[in-house]
N, C-alpha and C. Protein backbone atom coordinates (compact mmCIF):
# COMPACT_ATOMS: atom_id res chain seq x y z
N UNK A 1 101.05 140.74 119.83
CA UNK A 1 100.58 139.36 120.08
C UNK A 1 101.53 138.40 119.29
N UNK A 2 102.02 137.40 120.14
CA UNK A 2 102.98 136.44 119.62
C UNK A 2 102.08 135.17 119.10
N UNK A 3 102.41 134.79 117.78
CA UNK A 3 101.72 133.54 117.27
C UNK A 3 102.79 132.39 117.34
N UNK A 4 102.20 131.22 117.58
CA UNK A 4 102.92 129.99 117.44
C UNK A 4 103.13 129.63 116.10
N UNK A 5 104.25 129.23 115.63
CA UNK A 5 104.53 128.89 114.24
C UNK A 5 104.07 127.52 113.99
N UNK A 6 103.90 127.19 112.73
CA UNK A 6 103.42 125.87 112.23
C UNK A 6 104.51 124.84 112.59
N UNK A 7 105.75 125.28 112.49
CA UNK A 7 106.89 124.31 112.75
C UNK A 7 106.90 123.85 114.23
N UNK A 8 106.68 124.89 115.15
CA UNK A 8 106.56 124.56 116.56
C UNK A 8 105.46 123.50 116.89
N UNK A 9 104.25 123.85 116.30
CA UNK A 9 103.12 122.93 116.45
C UNK A 9 103.45 121.57 115.91
N UNK A 10 104.01 121.52 114.71
CA UNK A 10 104.30 120.16 114.12
C UNK A 10 105.27 119.40 114.93
N UNK A 11 106.34 120.13 115.47
CA UNK A 11 107.29 119.45 116.35
C UNK A 11 106.49 118.78 117.64
N UNK A 12 105.71 119.66 118.24
CA UNK A 12 105.06 119.20 119.40
C UNK A 12 104.05 118.02 119.03
N UNK A 13 103.33 118.09 118.02
CA UNK A 13 102.44 117.01 117.62
C UNK A 13 103.25 115.77 117.30
N UNK A 14 104.37 115.95 116.60
CA UNK A 14 105.15 114.73 116.17
C UNK A 14 105.70 114.03 117.54
N UNK A 15 106.19 114.77 118.41
CA UNK A 15 106.78 114.22 119.66
C UNK A 15 105.64 113.45 120.44
N UNK A 16 104.46 114.23 120.47
CA UNK A 16 103.24 113.59 121.18
C UNK A 16 102.81 112.32 120.56
N UNK A 17 102.77 112.33 119.17
CA UNK A 17 102.35 111.09 118.54
C UNK A 17 103.32 110.03 118.76
N UNK A 18 104.61 110.30 118.73
CA UNK A 18 105.61 109.21 118.99
C UNK A 18 105.45 108.66 120.40
N UNK A 19 105.16 109.42 121.35
CA UNK A 19 104.99 109.03 122.74
C UNK A 19 103.82 108.16 122.90
N UNK A 20 102.65 108.54 122.26
CA UNK A 20 101.48 107.82 122.31
C UNK A 20 101.70 106.52 121.54
N UNK A 21 102.31 106.51 120.41
CA UNK A 21 102.49 105.18 119.74
C UNK A 21 103.39 104.26 120.61
N UNK A 22 104.26 104.71 121.35
CA UNK A 22 105.12 103.83 122.25
C UNK A 22 104.30 103.37 123.46
N UNK A 23 103.39 104.23 123.97
CA UNK A 23 102.67 103.89 125.24
C UNK A 23 101.53 103.11 124.99
N UNK A 24 100.86 103.03 123.80
CA UNK A 24 99.70 102.44 123.67
C UNK A 24 99.65 101.42 122.35
N UNK A 25 100.37 100.22 122.64
CA UNK A 25 100.51 99.26 121.60
C UNK A 25 99.16 98.75 121.07
N UNK A 26 98.07 98.75 121.82
CA UNK A 26 96.80 98.26 121.35
C UNK A 26 96.23 99.18 120.23
N UNK A 27 96.68 100.43 120.16
CA UNK A 27 96.29 101.38 119.22
C UNK A 27 97.27 101.45 118.06
N UNK A 28 98.02 100.34 117.87
CA UNK A 28 99.08 100.38 116.89
C UNK A 28 98.68 100.89 115.53
N UNK A 29 99.30 101.95 115.17
CA UNK A 29 98.97 102.59 113.84
C UNK A 29 99.67 101.79 112.72
N UNK A 30 99.14 101.99 111.49
CA UNK A 30 99.80 101.36 110.39
C UNK A 30 100.76 102.36 109.65
N UNK A 31 100.36 103.65 109.82
CA UNK A 31 101.22 104.70 109.12
C UNK A 31 101.13 105.93 109.77
N UNK A 32 102.08 106.86 109.29
CA UNK A 32 102.16 108.21 109.83
C UNK A 32 102.43 109.16 108.66
N UNK A 33 101.80 110.25 108.54
CA UNK A 33 101.92 111.11 107.41
C UNK A 33 102.28 112.48 107.92
N UNK A 34 102.98 113.33 107.08
CA UNK A 34 103.12 114.64 107.23
C UNK A 34 102.78 115.42 105.85
N UNK A 35 102.04 116.43 106.00
CA UNK A 35 101.50 117.06 104.79
C UNK A 35 101.49 118.53 104.81
N UNK A 36 101.85 119.17 103.72
CA UNK A 36 101.81 120.66 103.60
C UNK A 36 100.87 121.01 102.42
N UNK A 37 100.27 122.27 102.51
CA UNK A 37 99.36 122.58 101.44
C UNK A 37 99.17 124.13 101.47
N UNK A 38 98.44 124.52 100.43
CA UNK A 38 98.21 125.90 100.22
C UNK A 38 96.98 126.22 99.31
N UNK A 39 96.18 127.21 99.64
CA UNK A 39 95.35 127.77 98.66
C UNK A 39 95.90 129.17 98.40
N UNK A 40 95.02 130.06 97.82
CA UNK A 40 95.58 131.32 97.38
C UNK A 40 96.22 132.21 98.50
N UNK A 41 95.59 132.17 99.63
CA UNK A 41 96.04 133.01 100.77
C UNK A 41 96.39 132.30 102.06
N UNK A 42 96.24 130.95 101.90
CA UNK A 42 96.28 130.24 103.28
C UNK A 42 97.32 129.09 103.05
N UNK A 43 98.15 128.91 104.19
CA UNK A 43 99.05 127.79 104.17
C UNK A 43 98.48 126.79 105.22
N UNK A 44 98.83 125.48 105.05
CA UNK A 44 98.41 124.54 106.01
C UNK A 44 99.52 123.49 106.15
N UNK A 45 99.50 122.90 107.38
CA UNK A 45 100.41 121.80 107.68
C UNK A 45 99.69 120.82 108.50
N UNK A 46 99.90 119.49 108.35
CA UNK A 46 99.05 118.52 108.81
C UNK A 46 99.95 117.33 109.28
N UNK A 47 99.55 116.67 110.37
CA UNK A 47 100.15 115.28 110.61
C UNK A 47 98.91 114.32 110.76
N UNK A 48 99.19 112.99 110.51
CA UNK A 48 98.03 112.10 110.44
C UNK A 48 98.61 110.74 110.65
N UNK A 49 97.64 109.89 111.35
CA UNK A 49 97.84 108.51 111.60
C UNK A 49 96.96 107.65 110.73
N UNK A 50 97.36 106.57 110.14
CA UNK A 50 96.60 105.71 109.39
C UNK A 50 96.41 104.38 109.93
N UNK A 51 95.18 103.71 109.67
CA UNK A 51 94.97 102.29 110.04
C UNK A 51 94.42 101.72 108.75
N UNK A 52 95.15 100.78 108.20
CA UNK A 52 94.76 100.20 106.85
C UNK A 52 93.61 99.16 107.16
N UNK A 53 92.75 99.03 106.12
CA UNK A 53 91.67 98.07 106.14
C UNK A 53 92.24 96.76 105.61
N UNK A 54 91.86 95.63 106.15
CA UNK A 54 92.26 94.32 105.60
C UNK A 54 91.50 93.90 104.37
N UNK A 55 90.31 94.50 104.30
CA UNK A 55 89.42 94.16 103.17
C UNK A 55 89.83 94.64 101.86
N UNK A 56 89.80 93.87 100.78
CA UNK A 56 90.13 94.36 99.43
C UNK A 56 88.93 94.03 98.53
N UNK A 57 88.53 95.05 97.73
CA UNK A 57 87.45 94.99 96.86
C UNK A 57 87.99 95.04 95.39
N UNK A 58 87.11 94.57 94.53
CA UNK A 58 87.30 94.48 93.08
C UNK A 58 88.81 94.03 92.87
N UNK A 59 89.14 92.92 93.48
CA UNK A 59 90.37 92.31 93.37
C UNK A 59 90.60 91.86 91.95
N UNK A 60 91.76 92.33 91.26
CA UNK A 60 92.00 91.87 89.86
C UNK A 60 93.39 91.15 89.88
N UNK A 61 93.96 90.96 88.74
CA UNK A 61 95.19 90.31 88.71
C UNK A 61 96.35 91.22 89.22
N UNK A 62 96.20 92.48 89.01
CA UNK A 62 97.32 93.42 89.45
C UNK A 62 96.92 94.49 90.38
N UNK A 63 95.59 94.76 90.44
CA UNK A 63 95.06 96.02 91.17
C UNK A 63 93.84 95.56 92.10
N UNK A 64 93.67 96.36 93.08
CA UNK A 64 92.53 96.27 93.91
C UNK A 64 92.19 97.47 94.46
N UNK A 65 90.92 97.60 95.04
CA UNK A 65 90.52 98.73 95.88
C UNK A 65 90.58 98.41 97.33
N UNK A 66 91.24 99.15 98.00
CA UNK A 66 91.38 99.04 99.46
C UNK A 66 91.18 100.33 100.18
N UNK A 67 91.74 100.50 101.28
CA UNK A 67 91.68 101.80 102.08
C UNK A 67 92.19 101.80 103.43
N UNK A 68 91.94 102.94 103.99
CA UNK A 68 92.41 103.10 105.34
C UNK A 68 91.64 104.31 106.07
N UNK A 69 91.71 104.25 107.40
CA UNK A 69 91.22 105.41 108.18
C UNK A 69 92.40 106.37 108.34
N UNK A 70 92.08 107.65 108.25
CA UNK A 70 93.01 108.82 108.34
C UNK A 70 92.58 109.74 109.47
N UNK A 71 93.29 109.79 110.55
CA UNK A 71 93.09 110.61 111.70
C UNK A 71 94.05 111.72 111.74
N UNK A 72 93.70 113.00 111.60
CA UNK A 72 94.61 114.06 111.35
C UNK A 72 94.44 115.30 112.27
N UNK A 73 95.46 116.04 112.44
CA UNK A 73 95.45 117.32 113.04
C UNK A 73 96.22 118.24 112.17
N UNK A 74 95.60 119.43 111.90
CA UNK A 74 96.18 120.43 110.97
C UNK A 74 96.12 121.86 111.56
N UNK A 75 97.00 122.69 111.04
CA UNK A 75 96.89 124.10 111.21
C UNK A 75 96.83 124.77 110.00
N UNK A 76 95.86 125.75 109.83
CA UNK A 76 95.71 126.58 108.73
C UNK A 76 96.02 127.90 109.04
N UNK A 77 96.82 128.73 108.27
CA UNK A 77 97.31 130.04 108.58
C UNK A 77 97.05 130.90 107.49
N UNK A 78 96.34 132.05 107.63
CA UNK A 78 95.97 132.94 106.53
C UNK A 78 96.90 134.17 106.58
N UNK A 79 97.46 134.54 105.44
CA UNK A 79 98.27 135.82 105.39
C UNK A 79 97.40 137.04 105.15
N UNK A 80 98.02 138.18 105.40
CA UNK A 80 97.30 139.46 105.20
C UNK A 80 95.96 139.50 105.76
N UNK A 81 95.95 139.34 107.05
CA UNK A 81 94.60 139.56 107.71
C UNK A 81 94.56 140.89 108.49
N UNK A 82 93.34 141.37 108.65
CA UNK A 82 93.06 142.66 109.38
C UNK A 82 93.20 142.37 110.84
N UNK A 83 93.40 143.38 111.75
CA UNK A 83 93.52 143.15 113.08
C UNK A 83 92.30 142.49 113.73
N UNK A 84 91.10 142.64 113.12
CA UNK A 84 89.93 141.98 113.59
C UNK A 84 89.84 140.48 113.16
N UNK A 85 90.50 140.03 112.15
CA UNK A 85 90.44 138.64 111.65
C UNK A 85 91.31 137.71 112.36
N UNK A 86 90.88 136.48 112.22
CA UNK A 86 91.67 135.36 112.88
C UNK A 86 92.68 134.96 111.84
N UNK A 87 93.96 134.69 112.28
CA UNK A 87 94.95 134.36 111.47
C UNK A 87 95.16 132.85 111.24
N UNK A 88 94.80 132.11 112.42
CA UNK A 88 95.07 130.54 112.48
C UNK A 88 93.76 129.80 112.93
N UNK A 89 93.66 128.62 112.42
CA UNK A 89 92.69 127.68 112.80
C UNK A 89 93.28 126.28 112.86
N UNK A 90 92.95 125.56 113.92
CA UNK A 90 93.30 124.20 114.05
C UNK A 90 92.15 123.32 113.66
N UNK A 91 92.47 122.27 112.94
CA UNK A 91 91.41 121.28 112.39
C UNK A 91 91.82 119.89 112.77
N UNK A 92 90.76 119.17 113.13
CA UNK A 92 90.84 117.70 113.52
C UNK A 92 89.95 117.02 112.59
N UNK A 93 90.49 115.93 111.99
CA UNK A 93 89.58 115.23 110.99
C UNK A 93 89.73 113.72 111.06
N UNK A 94 88.66 113.04 110.65
CA UNK A 94 88.63 111.56 110.56
C UNK A 94 88.04 111.26 109.22
N UNK A 95 88.76 110.57 108.40
CA UNK A 95 88.35 110.32 107.05
C UNK A 95 88.64 108.87 106.55
N UNK A 96 87.56 108.18 106.08
CA UNK A 96 87.77 106.94 105.42
C UNK A 96 88.28 107.13 104.07
N UNK A 97 89.33 106.56 103.71
CA UNK A 97 90.04 106.83 102.36
C UNK A 97 90.11 105.67 101.61
N UNK A 98 89.52 105.65 100.38
CA UNK A 98 89.49 104.55 99.43
C UNK A 98 90.71 104.66 98.48
N UNK A 99 91.37 103.65 98.21
CA UNK A 99 92.61 103.64 97.36
C UNK A 99 92.59 102.58 96.32
N UNK A 100 92.84 102.96 95.07
CA UNK A 100 93.00 102.00 93.98
C UNK A 100 94.42 101.75 93.85
N UNK A 101 94.96 100.54 94.08
CA UNK A 101 96.41 100.36 94.20
C UNK A 101 96.79 98.96 93.74
N UNK A 102 98.09 98.80 93.52
CA UNK A 102 98.59 97.58 93.09
C UNK A 102 98.48 96.47 94.17
N UNK A 103 98.31 95.23 93.75
CA UNK A 103 98.18 94.17 94.80
C UNK A 103 99.44 94.06 95.61
N UNK A 104 100.63 94.40 95.20
CA UNK A 104 101.83 94.29 95.94
C UNK A 104 102.12 95.52 96.80
N UNK A 105 101.08 96.44 96.73
CA UNK A 105 101.11 97.72 97.61
C UNK A 105 102.30 98.58 97.06
N UNK A 106 102.66 98.60 95.83
CA UNK A 106 103.73 99.39 95.40
C UNK A 106 103.34 100.05 94.06
N UNK A 107 103.90 101.10 93.77
CA UNK A 107 103.70 101.75 92.48
C UNK A 107 102.65 102.89 92.59
N UNK A 108 102.00 103.12 91.44
CA UNK A 108 101.01 104.25 91.39
C UNK A 108 99.73 103.91 92.07
N UNK A 109 99.06 104.94 92.63
CA UNK A 109 97.72 104.72 93.30
C UNK A 109 96.93 106.02 93.10
N UNK A 110 95.58 105.73 93.12
CA UNK A 110 94.61 106.83 93.17
C UNK A 110 93.90 106.69 94.47
N UNK A 111 93.41 107.82 95.02
CA UNK A 111 92.60 107.76 96.21
C UNK A 111 91.68 108.84 96.36
N UNK A 112 90.66 108.72 97.28
CA UNK A 112 89.67 109.71 97.55
C UNK A 112 89.04 109.42 98.88
N UNK A 113 88.59 110.43 99.56
CA UNK A 113 87.88 110.28 100.81
C UNK A 113 86.91 111.44 101.17
N UNK A 114 85.94 111.05 101.89
CA UNK A 114 85.08 112.14 102.48
C UNK A 114 85.03 111.86 103.97
N UNK A 115 85.26 112.93 104.76
CA UNK A 115 85.23 112.68 106.16
C UNK A 115 84.71 113.92 107.03
N UNK A 116 84.75 113.77 108.38
CA UNK A 116 84.27 114.82 109.24
C UNK A 116 85.47 115.54 109.77
N UNK A 117 85.30 116.82 109.91
CA UNK A 117 86.33 117.64 110.36
C UNK A 117 85.83 118.68 111.37
N UNK A 118 86.54 119.05 112.41
CA UNK A 118 86.13 120.03 113.42
C UNK A 118 87.13 121.15 113.35
N UNK A 119 86.78 122.39 113.40
CA UNK A 119 87.59 123.55 113.29
C UNK A 119 87.62 124.20 114.69
N UNK A 120 88.70 124.77 115.05
CA UNK A 120 88.77 125.52 116.31
C UNK A 120 88.10 126.87 116.30
N UNK A 121 87.78 127.38 115.17
CA UNK A 121 87.10 128.64 114.92
C UNK A 121 86.40 128.64 113.54
N UNK A 122 85.37 129.51 113.43
CA UNK A 122 84.57 129.53 112.20
C UNK A 122 84.97 130.69 111.27
N UNK A 123 86.03 131.27 111.62
CA UNK A 123 86.59 132.46 110.76
C UNK A 123 88.11 132.23 110.55
N UNK A 124 88.55 132.44 109.39
CA UNK A 124 90.00 132.44 109.05
C UNK A 124 90.22 133.50 108.06
N UNK A 125 90.77 134.67 108.53
CA UNK A 125 91.01 135.82 107.63
C UNK A 125 89.55 136.27 107.16
N UNK A 126 89.39 136.46 105.92
CA UNK A 126 88.03 136.85 105.37
C UNK A 126 87.19 135.70 105.15
N UNK A 127 87.64 134.50 105.42
CA UNK A 127 86.84 133.28 105.20
C UNK A 127 85.79 133.07 106.40
N UNK A 128 84.58 132.74 106.01
CA UNK A 128 83.56 132.57 107.02
C UNK A 128 82.99 131.10 106.84
N UNK A 129 83.07 130.21 107.85
CA UNK A 129 82.70 128.82 107.76
C UNK A 129 81.29 128.59 108.49
N UNK A 130 80.82 129.45 109.32
CA UNK A 130 79.53 129.37 110.06
C UNK A 130 79.47 128.26 111.06
N UNK A 131 80.04 127.11 110.74
CA UNK A 131 79.97 126.02 111.74
C UNK A 131 81.33 125.44 111.95
N UNK A 132 81.64 124.88 113.14
CA UNK A 132 82.94 124.31 113.39
C UNK A 132 82.93 122.93 112.64
N UNK A 133 81.81 122.27 112.50
CA UNK A 133 81.75 120.98 111.81
C UNK A 133 81.83 121.20 110.31
N UNK A 134 82.82 120.52 109.66
CA UNK A 134 82.94 120.71 108.22
C UNK A 134 83.07 119.29 107.61
N UNK A 135 82.76 119.11 106.27
CA UNK A 135 82.99 117.96 105.53
C UNK A 135 84.41 118.21 104.78
N UNK A 136 85.16 117.20 104.76
CA UNK A 136 86.39 117.35 104.00
C UNK A 136 86.44 116.19 103.02
N UNK A 137 86.64 116.62 101.75
CA UNK A 137 86.81 115.59 100.71
C UNK A 137 88.09 115.88 99.93
N UNK A 138 88.69 114.77 99.50
CA UNK A 138 89.89 114.87 98.76
C UNK A 138 89.95 113.89 97.68
N UNK A 139 90.68 114.16 96.64
CA UNK A 139 91.09 113.31 95.48
C UNK A 139 92.51 113.45 95.38
N UNK A 140 93.24 112.34 95.15
CA UNK A 140 94.69 112.41 95.01
C UNK A 140 95.26 111.20 94.22
N UNK A 141 96.58 111.38 94.05
CA UNK A 141 97.29 110.27 93.34
C UNK A 141 98.71 110.37 93.89
N UNK A 142 99.33 109.17 93.78
CA UNK A 142 100.70 109.11 94.31
C UNK A 142 101.43 107.89 93.88
N UNK A 143 102.61 107.69 94.56
CA UNK A 143 103.46 106.60 94.18
C UNK A 143 103.95 105.98 95.52
N UNK A 144 103.86 104.75 95.71
CA UNK A 144 104.38 103.96 96.86
C UNK A 144 105.67 103.19 96.55
N UNK A 145 106.66 103.38 97.37
CA UNK A 145 107.95 102.83 97.02
C UNK A 145 108.72 102.41 98.24
N UNK A 146 110.02 102.01 98.00
CA UNK A 146 110.94 101.71 99.14
C UNK A 146 110.79 100.26 99.60
N UNK A 147 111.61 99.97 100.56
CA UNK A 147 111.66 98.63 101.15
C UNK A 147 110.32 98.33 101.73
N UNK A 148 109.72 97.26 101.35
CA UNK A 148 108.43 96.77 101.70
C UNK A 148 107.33 97.68 101.26
N UNK A 149 107.54 98.59 100.39
CA UNK A 149 106.64 99.63 99.98
C UNK A 149 106.23 100.52 101.12
N UNK A 150 107.25 100.89 101.95
CA UNK A 150 106.92 101.53 103.24
C UNK A 150 106.72 102.97 103.03
N UNK A 151 107.12 103.55 101.99
CA UNK A 151 106.87 105.07 101.75
C UNK A 151 105.90 105.31 100.71
N UNK A 152 105.17 106.43 100.81
CA UNK A 152 104.39 106.87 99.63
C UNK A 152 104.41 108.43 99.71
N UNK A 153 104.44 108.99 98.44
CA UNK A 153 104.47 110.46 98.29
C UNK A 153 103.16 110.64 97.31
N UNK A 154 102.42 111.65 97.77
CA UNK A 154 101.27 111.98 96.91
C UNK A 154 100.90 113.43 96.84
N UNK A 155 100.02 113.70 95.93
CA UNK A 155 99.41 114.99 95.75
C UNK A 155 97.91 114.83 95.98
N UNK A 156 97.35 115.73 96.69
CA UNK A 156 95.93 115.76 97.00
C UNK A 156 95.25 117.10 96.72
N UNK A 157 94.14 117.20 96.26
CA UNK A 157 93.32 118.42 96.19
C UNK A 157 92.17 118.27 97.19
N UNK A 158 92.08 119.11 98.19
CA UNK A 158 91.11 118.95 99.27
C UNK A 158 90.19 120.12 99.34
N UNK A 159 88.92 119.84 99.59
CA UNK A 159 87.83 120.91 99.80
C UNK A 159 87.24 120.76 101.19
N UNK A 160 87.26 121.72 102.00
CA UNK A 160 86.55 121.70 103.28
C UNK A 160 85.34 122.62 103.16
N UNK A 161 84.18 122.32 103.62
CA UNK A 161 82.98 123.12 103.77
C UNK A 161 81.95 122.46 104.54
N UNK A 162 80.96 123.28 104.94
CA UNK A 162 79.82 122.66 105.78
C UNK A 162 78.67 122.17 104.96
N UNK A 163 78.82 122.00 103.64
CA UNK A 163 77.82 121.52 102.74
C UNK A 163 76.53 122.38 102.91
N UNK A 164 76.65 123.61 103.11
CA UNK A 164 75.47 124.60 103.23
C UNK A 164 74.48 124.22 104.38
N UNK A 165 75.13 123.62 105.45
CA UNK A 165 74.30 123.38 106.62
C UNK A 165 73.88 124.78 107.15
N UNK A 166 74.80 125.73 107.17
CA UNK A 166 74.50 127.14 107.50
C UNK A 166 75.33 128.09 106.65
N UNK A 167 74.75 129.28 106.41
CA UNK A 167 75.42 130.22 105.54
C UNK A 167 76.02 131.29 106.49
N UNK A 168 77.14 131.99 106.12
CA UNK A 168 77.82 131.85 104.85
C UNK A 168 78.71 130.49 104.93
N UNK A 169 79.04 130.06 103.76
CA UNK A 169 79.72 128.71 103.65
C UNK A 169 80.87 128.97 102.66
N UNK A 170 81.76 129.77 102.96
CA UNK A 170 83.00 130.08 102.11
C UNK A 170 83.72 128.78 101.70
N UNK A 171 83.94 127.80 102.66
CA UNK A 171 84.75 126.74 102.35
C UNK A 171 86.15 127.11 102.07
N UNK A 172 87.09 126.06 101.82
CA UNK A 172 88.42 126.30 101.51
C UNK A 172 88.88 125.15 100.59
N UNK A 173 89.77 125.50 99.71
CA UNK A 173 90.38 124.46 98.76
C UNK A 173 91.83 124.60 99.01
N UNK A 174 92.48 123.48 98.85
CA UNK A 174 93.96 123.38 99.05
C UNK A 174 94.64 122.38 98.15
N UNK A 175 95.73 122.70 97.63
CA UNK A 175 96.59 121.74 96.97
C UNK A 175 97.62 121.25 98.00
N UNK A 176 97.79 119.98 98.08
CA UNK A 176 98.61 119.43 99.10
C UNK A 176 99.67 118.39 98.74
N UNK A 177 100.76 118.37 99.36
CA UNK A 177 101.77 117.33 99.15
C UNK A 177 101.91 116.52 100.46
N UNK A 178 102.01 115.26 100.29
CA UNK A 178 102.01 114.35 101.47
C UNK A 178 103.08 113.34 101.48
N UNK A 179 103.66 113.09 102.48
CA UNK A 179 104.67 112.01 102.70
C UNK A 179 104.17 111.03 103.78
N UNK A 180 103.99 109.83 103.51
CA UNK A 180 103.40 108.79 104.39
C UNK A 180 104.41 107.65 104.56
N UNK A 181 104.63 107.22 105.91
CA UNK A 181 105.49 106.16 106.02
C UNK A 181 104.63 105.03 106.63
N UNK A 182 104.62 103.79 106.04
CA UNK A 182 103.79 102.70 106.44
C UNK A 182 104.69 101.86 107.37
N UNK A 183 104.24 101.46 108.57
CA UNK A 183 105.05 100.63 109.57
C UNK A 183 105.03 99.18 109.14
N UNK A 184 104.03 98.73 108.37
CA UNK A 184 103.88 97.36 108.01
C UNK A 184 104.18 97.14 106.57
């Protein structure tokens, strides 16, 4: 059985996303991210589109709380699976992300989010999720830089599980590195 590689999927998703962005100006996105991550036996790759919120909370002289919507597609791939186990799962997620950041949108930031995710299967190797619907939460930190503060690089720790809606609920945790480009 031939498996599609993460690189092939990411290339296809990237080309598709670029075509959609050109064809649908009313859906103009504010940012585009590429992310890779890993837990003990699982690798993941993700692409995502962001829409920034115009609202600022807790506005101070230098910092404020803001945020954005994050719409993502990811592939999770598990190593060392038995012939009866599933090796890959596709995930689609929508997450409101809150970010503590500088007023000039540059420099260090902290962020966190809790969102809804759908999995293409409820098994990944020896992991059992029971439901395709999962909650995904993450905490992260990063640095925004470049002309107009257009780039940011960040680390995230993410947990996906169904919050015990149904058992078993193995969940999955991942350490992730993310590169995001802001168009505005």
